[in-house]
Amino acid sequence: TSFVGRDRELDEVKTLLDDVRLLTLLGMGGLGKTRLSLQVAAEVIAQFPDGVWFFDLAPIRDGALVVSEAAQVLGVREEPGRPLVQTLCAALASRRTLLIFDNCEHLIMASADLANAILRAAPRVHVMASSREALRVQGEAELDLPPLVRDEAVTLFCERAQAVRPEVSATETVAELCER
């Protein structure tokens, strides 16, 4: 999908990622934290020669599964007699990569523990998280996302609606709906 609005936030996130290794995008549901994360990933991928990896935590209900989800996405296999988090951290130790932890709010402790372990073990790894609350990990920078301004919200609504129903146009009703 197209990227609507958030140009200021996009620039701010890219600047922050140059300075910090853990950045959490904060805000209520539906603000576009995930979409902003994906846009950032697309624009900074060249800075991370070992890739940008996206962990969708929304479907996970058990915090104990966060490490295994990350390992699965990264293709890291469990080693006998060694905790999976240690194997994962060892696999990331020499990599220069960006990890995106998306939808952390219901798994704050597990997300924070994994981010902390990775950041300690892998000095060239950066983590960007999205959540309704901060992870509270040492060195974390937080960026609060405000709602889109009215014109951007209407543009976004109409673009997405027109993908389904081309006859939709920007009307005062749409603007009122976006404001709500």
C-alpha atoms as a PDB file:
ATOM      1  CA  THR A   1       0.000   0.000   0.000  1.00  0.00           C
ATOM      2  CA  SER A   2       1.061   3.591  -0.423  1.00  0.00           C
ATOM      3  CA  PHE A   3       2.617   5.435   2.488  1.00  0.00           C
ATOM      4  CA  VAL A   4       0.424   8.370   3.525  1.00  0.00           C
ATOM      5  CA  GLY A   5       1.554  11.077   5.924  1.00  0.00           C
ATOM      6  CA  ARG A   6       4.117  10.452   8.641  1.00  0.00           C
ATOM      7  CA  ASP A   7       6.981  11.981   6.650  1.00  0.00           C
ATOM      8  CA  ARG A   8       8.210  13.828   9.742  1.00  0.00           C
ATOM      9  CA  GLU A   9       7.985  10.670  11.860  1.00  0.00           C
ATOM     10  CA  LEU A  10       9.691   8.630   9.129  1.00  0.00           C
ATOM     11  CA  ASP A  11      12.667  10.990   9.114  1.00  0.00           C
ATOM     12  CA  GLU A  12      12.749  11.055  12.919  1.00  0.00           C
ATOM     13  CA  VAL A  13      12.755   7.262  13.183  1.00  0.00           C
ATOM     14  CA  LYS A  14      15.569   6.907  10.655  1.00  0.00           C
ATOM     15  CA  THR A  15      17.620   9.505  12.539  1.00  0.00           C
ATOM     16  CA  LEU A  16      16.954   7.816  15.876  1.00  0.00           C
ATOM     17  CA  LEU A  17      18.002   4.418  14.510  1.00  0.00           C
ATOM     18  CA  ASP A  18      21.395   5.924  13.723  1.00  0.00           C
ATOM     19  CA  ASP A  19      21.796   6.877  17.387  1.00  0.00           C
ATOM     20  CA  VAL A  20      20.044   4.157  19.400  1.00  0.00           C
ATOM     21  CA  ARG A  21      19.832   0.381  19.201  1.00  0.00           C
ATOM     22  CA  LEU A  22      16.327   0.031  20.616  1.00  0.00           C
ATOM     23  CA  LEU A  23      13.502   2.260  19.471  1.00  0.00           C
ATOM     24  CA  THR A  24       9.886   1.724  20.438  1.00  0.00           C
ATOM     25  CA  LEU A  25       7.082   3.326  18.457  1.00  0.00           C
ATOM     26  CA  LEU A  26       4.268   4.054  20.889  1.00  0.00           C
ATOM     27  CA  GLY A  27       0.608   4.751  20.341  1.00  0.00           C
ATOM     28  CA  MET A  28      -2.901   3.419  20.434  1.00  0.00           C
ATOM     29  CA  GLY A  29      -4.042   0.692  18.072  1.00  0.00           C
ATOM     30  CA  GLY A  30      -4.679   1.661  14.477  1.00  0.00           C
ATOM     31  CA  LEU A  31      -2.305   4.648  14.382  1.00  0.00           C
ATOM     32  CA  GLY A  32      -0.032   3.124  11.758  1.00  0.00           C
ATOM     33  CA  LYS A  33       2.882   1.915  13.884  1.00  0.00           C
ATOM     34  CA  THR A  34       3.219  -1.244  11.807  1.00  0.00           C
ATOM     35  CA  ARG A  35       2.986   0.615   8.490  1.00  0.00           C
ATOM     36  CA  LEU A  36       5.600   3.122   9.651  1.00  0.00           C
ATOM     37  CA  SER A  37       7.884   0.261  10.743  1.00  0.00           C
ATOM     38  CA  LEU A  38       7.583  -1.384   7.340  1.00  0.00           C
ATOM     39  CA  GLN A  39       8.321   1.891   5.536  1.00  0.00           C
ATOM     40  CA  VAL A  40      11.377   2.486   7.714  1.00  0.00           C
ATOM     41  CA  ALA A  41      12.542  -1.061   6.996  1.00  0.00           C
ATOM     42  CA  ALA A  42      12.217  -0.512   3.252  1.00  0.00           C
ATOM     43  CA  GLU A  43      14.214   2.703   3.416  1.00  0.00           C
ATOM     44  CA  VAL A  44      17.051   1.552   5.707  1.00  0.00           C
ATOM     45  CA  ILE A  45      17.553  -2.015   4.501  1.00  0.00           C
ATOM     46  CA  ALA A  46      20.822  -1.077   2.756  1.00  0.00           C
ATOM     47  CA  GLN A  47      22.293  -0.076   6.151  1.00  0.00           C
ATOM     48  CA  PHE A  48      21.761  -3.619   7.453  1.00  0.00           C
ATOM     49  CA  PRO A  49      23.701  -6.054   5.249  1.00  0.00           C
ATOM     50  CA  ASP A  50      22.400  -9.058   7.197  1.00  0.00           C
ATOM     51  CA  GLY A  51      18.817  -8.026   6.626  1.00  0.00           C
ATOM     52  CA  VAL A  52      15.737  -6.608   8.268  1.00  0.00           C
ATOM     53  CA  TRP A  53      13.523  -9.148  10.019  1.00  0.00           C
ATOM     54  CA  PHE A  54       9.882  -8.687  11.006  1.00  0.00           C
ATOM     55  CA  PHE A  55       8.339 -10.518  13.972  1.00  0.00           C
ATOM     56  CA  ASP A  56       4.541 -10.252  14.087  1.00  0.00           C
ATOM     57  CA  LEU A  57       3.715 -10.888  17.733  1.00  0.00           C
ATOM     58  CA  ALA A  58      -0.032 -10.185  17.408  1.00  0.00           C
ATOM     59  CA  PRO A  59      -1.110 -13.838  17.008  1.00  0.00           C
ATOM     60  CA  ILE A  60       1.080 -15.074  19.875  1.00  0.00           C
ATOM     61  CA  ARG A  61      -0.721 -15.420  23.195  1.00  0.00           C
ATOM     62  CA  ASP A  62       1.982 -17.066  25.304  1.00  0.00           C
ATOM     63  CA  GLY A  63       5.098 -15.039  26.136  1.00  0.00           C
ATOM     64  CA  ALA A  64       7.120 -18.252  26.239  1.00  0.00           C
ATOM     65  CA  LEU A  65       6.690 -18.499  22.448  1.00  0.00           C
ATOM     66  CA  VAL A  66       8.294 -15.146  21.593  1.00  0.00           C
ATOM     67  CA  VAL A  67      11.825 -16.570  21.444  1.00  0.00           C
ATOM     68  CA  SER A  68      10.735 -19.531  19.315  1.00  0.00           C
ATOM     69  CA  GLU A  69       8.894 -17.172  16.923  1.00  0.00           C
ATOM     70  CA  ALA A  70      12.047 -15.078  16.517  1.00  0.00           C
ATOM     71  CA  ALA A  71      14.157 -18.197  16.009  1.00  0.00           C
ATOM     72  CA  GLN A  72      11.751 -19.523  13.397  1.00  0.00           C
ATOM     73  CA  VAL A  73      11.717 -16.249  11.448  1.00  0.00           C
ATOM     74  CA  LEU A  74      15.517 -16.075  11.533  1.00  0.00           C
ATOM     75  CA  GLY A  75      15.962 -19.761  10.689  1.00  0.00           C
ATOM     76  CA  VAL A  76      17.774 -20.525  13.946  1.00  0.00           C
ATOM     77  CA  ARG A  77      17.416 -24.100  15.154  1.00  0.00           C
ATOM     78  CA  GLU A  78      17.424 -25.277  18.716  1.00  0.00           C
ATOM     79  CA  GLU A  79      20.632 -26.928  19.921  1.00  0.00           C
ATOM     80  CA  PRO A  80      20.503 -29.787  22.436  1.00  0.00           C
ATOM     81  CA  GLY A  81      21.374 -28.764  25.989  1.00  0.00           C
ATOM     82  CA  ARG A  82      21.342 -25.036  25.235  1.00  0.00           C
ATOM     83  CA  PRO A  83      18.501 -22.568  25.840  1.00  0.00           C
ATOM     84  CA  LEU A  84      17.029 -21.332  22.555  1.00  0.00           C
ATOM     85  CA  VAL A  85      17.581 -17.695  23.534  1.00  0.00           C
ATOM     86  CA  GLN A  86      21.341 -18.374  23.844  1.00  0.00           C
ATOM     87  CA  THR A  87      21.416 -20.052  20.438  1.00  0.00           C
ATOM     88  CA  LEU A  88      19.487 -17.157  18.935  1.00  0.00           C
ATOM     89  CA  CYS A  89      21.798 -14.568  20.483  1.00  0.00           C
ATOM     90  CA  ALA A  90      24.870 -16.463  19.304  1.00  0.00           C
ATOM     91  CA  ALA A  91      23.477 -16.569  15.774  1.00  0.00           C
ATOM     92  CA  LEU A  92      22.982 -12.789  15.837  1.00  0.00           C
ATOM     93  CA  ALA A  93      26.266 -11.934  17.596  1.00  0.00           C
ATOM     94  CA  SER A  94      28.218 -11.000  14.473  1.00  0.00           C
ATOM     95  CA  ARG A  95      25.321  -9.796  12.321  1.00  0.00           C
ATOM     96  CA  ARG A  96      24.408  -6.242  11.406  1.00  0.00           C
ATOM     97  CA  THR A  97      20.649  -6.413  11.227  1.00  0.00           C
ATOM     98  CA  LEU A  98      17.424  -4.671  12.175  1.00  0.00           C
ATOM     99  CA  LEU A  99      14.800  -6.682  14.035  1.00  0.00           C
ATOM    100  CA  ILE A 100      11.235  -5.379  14.121  1.00  0.00           C
ATOM    101  CA  PHE A 101       9.106  -6.592  17.032  1.00  0.00           C
ATOM    102  CA  ASP A 102       5.544  -5.692  16.038  1.00  0.00           C
ATOM    103  CA  ASN A 103       2.579  -5.583  18.442  1.00  0.00           C
ATOM    104  CA  CYS A 104       4.431  -6.082  21.716  1.00  0.00           C
ATOM    105  CA  GLU A 105       1.760  -4.697  24.055  1.00  0.00           C
ATOM    106  CA  HIS A 106       0.357  -8.033  25.191  1.00  0.00           C
ATOM    107  CA  LEU A 107       3.825  -9.582  25.556  1.00  0.00           C
ATOM    108  CA  ILE A 108       5.794  -6.723  27.116  1.00  0.00           C
ATOM    109  CA  MET A 109       7.938  -8.768  29.491  1.00  0.00           C
ATOM    110  CA  ALA A 110       8.792 -11.454  26.936  1.00  0.00           C
ATOM    111  CA  SER A 111       9.541  -8.843  24.252  1.00  0.00           C
ATOM    112  CA  ALA A 112      11.659  -6.798  26.651  1.00  0.00           C
ATOM    113  CA  ASP A 113      13.585  -9.856  27.833  1.00  0.00           C
ATOM    114  CA  LEU A 114      14.344 -10.951  24.271  1.00  0.00           C
ATOM    115  CA  ALA A 115      15.316  -7.460  23.121  1.00  0.00           C
ATOM    116  CA  ASN A 116      17.584  -7.040  26.139  1.00  0.00           C
ATOM    117  CA  ALA A 117      19.278 -10.413  25.597  1.00  0.00           C
ATOM    118  CA  ILE A 118      19.859  -9.719  21.897  1.00  0.00           C
ATOM    119  CA  LEU A 119      21.166  -6.199  22.445  1.00  0.00           C
ATOM    120  CA  ARG A 120      23.649  -7.439  25.057  1.00  0.00           C
ATOM    121  CA  ALA A 121      24.904 -10.316  22.902  1.00  0.00           C
ATOM    122  CA  ALA A 122      24.865  -8.718  19.462  1.00  0.00           C
ATOM    123  CA  PRO A 123      26.435  -5.241  19.389  1.00  0.00           C
ATOM    124  CA  ARG A 124      25.514  -4.498  15.754  1.00  0.00           C
ATOM    125  CA  VAL A 125      21.855  -5.482  15.970  1.00  0.00           C
ATOM    126  CA  HIS A 126      19.173  -2.807  16.217  1.00  0.00           C
ATOM    127  CA  VAL A 127      15.630  -3.431  17.430  1.00  0.00           C
ATOM    128  CA  MET A 128      12.562  -1.410  16.534  1.00  0.00           C
ATOM    129  CA  ALA A 129       9.418  -2.310  18.447  1.00  0.00           C
ATOM    130  CA  SER A 130       5.828  -1.171  18.166  1.00  0.00           C
ATOM    131  CA  SER A 131       3.604  -1.203  21.203  1.00  0.00           C
ATOM    132  CA  ARG A 132       1.035   0.646  23.230  1.00  0.00           C
ATOM    133  CA  GLU A 133       3.598   0.858  26.043  1.00  0.00           C
ATOM    134  CA  ALA A 134       7.378   1.003  26.315  1.00  0.00           C
ATOM    135  CA  LEU A 135       9.494  -2.108  26.836  1.00  0.00           C
ATOM    136  CA  ARG A 136      11.478  -0.436  29.636  1.00  0.00           C
ATOM    137  CA  VAL A 137      14.834  -1.810  28.510  1.00  0.00           C
ATOM    138  CA  GLN A 138      17.996   0.137  29.262  1.00  0.00           C
ATOM    139  CA  GLY A 139      18.917   2.363  26.330  1.00  0.00           C
ATOM    140  CA  GLU A 140      15.424   2.337  24.836  1.00  0.00           C
ATOM    141  CA  ALA A 141      14.288   5.430  22.972  1.00  0.00           C
ATOM    142  CA  GLU A 142      10.562   6.029  22.646  1.00  0.00           C
ATOM    143  CA  LEU A 143       8.657   7.843  19.932  1.00  0.00           C
ATOM    144  CA  ASP A 144       4.998   8.665  20.548  1.00  0.00           C
ATOM    145  CA  LEU A 145       2.989   8.643  17.338  1.00  0.00           C
ATOM    146  CA  PRO A 146       0.166  11.174  17.167  1.00  0.00           C
ATOM    147  CA  PRO A 147      -2.933  10.532  15.073  1.00  0.00           C
ATOM    148  CA  LEU A 148      -2.721  11.565  11.437  1.00  0.00           C
ATOM    149  CA  VAL A 149      -3.819  15.112  10.711  1.00  0.00           C
ATOM    150  CA  ARG A 150      -7.261  15.442   9.139  1.00  0.00           C
ATOM    151  CA  ASP A 151      -6.184  15.731   5.487  1.00  0.00           C
ATOM    152  CA  GLU A 152      -3.805  12.771   5.775  1.00  0.00           C
ATOM    153  CA  ALA A 153      -6.456  10.663   7.518  1.00  0.00           C
ATOM    154  CA  VAL A 154      -8.998  11.419   4.794  1.00  0.00           C
ATOM    155  CA  THR A 155      -6.462  10.634   2.065  1.00  0.00           C
ATOM    156  CA  LEU A 156      -5.574   7.336   3.711  1.00  0.00           C
ATOM    157  CA  PHE A 157      -9.220   6.377   4.230  1.00  0.00           C
ATOM    158  CA  CYS A 158     -10.155   7.196   0.655  1.00  0.00           C
ATOM    159  CA  GLU A 159      -7.145   5.381  -0.836  1.00  0.00           C
ATOM    160  CA  ARG A 160      -7.917   2.227   1.104  1.00  0.00           C
ATOM    161  CA  ALA A 161     -11.651   2.458   0.396  1.00  0.00           C
ATOM    162  CA  GLN A 162     -11.063   3.077  -3.318  1.00  0.00           C
ATOM    163  CA  ALA A 163      -9.004  -0.106  -3.486  1.00  0.00           C
ATOM    164  CA  VAL A 164     -12.259  -1.930  -2.691  1.00  0.00           C
ATOM    165  CA  ARG A 165     -14.839   0.488  -4.134  1.00  0.00           C
ATOM    166  CA  PRO A 166     -13.406   2.894  -6.750  1.00  0.00           C
ATOM    167  CA  GLU A 167     -16.408   5.251  -6.529  1.00  0.00           C
ATOM    168  CA  VAL A 168     -15.574   6.375  -2.964  1.00  0.00           C
ATOM    169  CA  SER A 169     -14.591  10.054  -2.785  1.00  0.00           C
ATOM    170  CA  ALA A 170     -13.400  12.421  -0.088  1.00  0.00           C
ATOM    171  CA  THR A 171     -16.512  13.877   1.484  1.00  0.00           C
ATOM    172  CA  GLU A 172     -17.261  15.726   4.669  1.00  0.00           C
ATOM    173  CA  THR A 173     -18.752  12.471   6.001  1.00  0.00           C
ATOM    174  CA  VAL A 174     -15.431  10.703   5.458  1.00  0.00           C
ATOM    175  CA  ALA A 175     -13.605  13.577   7.151  1.00  0.00           C
ATOM    176  CA  GLU A 176     -15.958  13.397  10.144  1.00  0.00           C
ATOM    177  CA  LEU A 177     -15.472   9.627  10.347  1.00  0.00           C
ATOM    178  CA  CYS A 178     -11.677  10.002  10.308  1.00  0.00           C
ATOM    179  CA  GLU A 179     -11.806  12.625  13.060  1.00  0.00           C
ATOM    180  CA  ARG A 180     -13.771  10.239  15.256  1.00  0.00           C
END
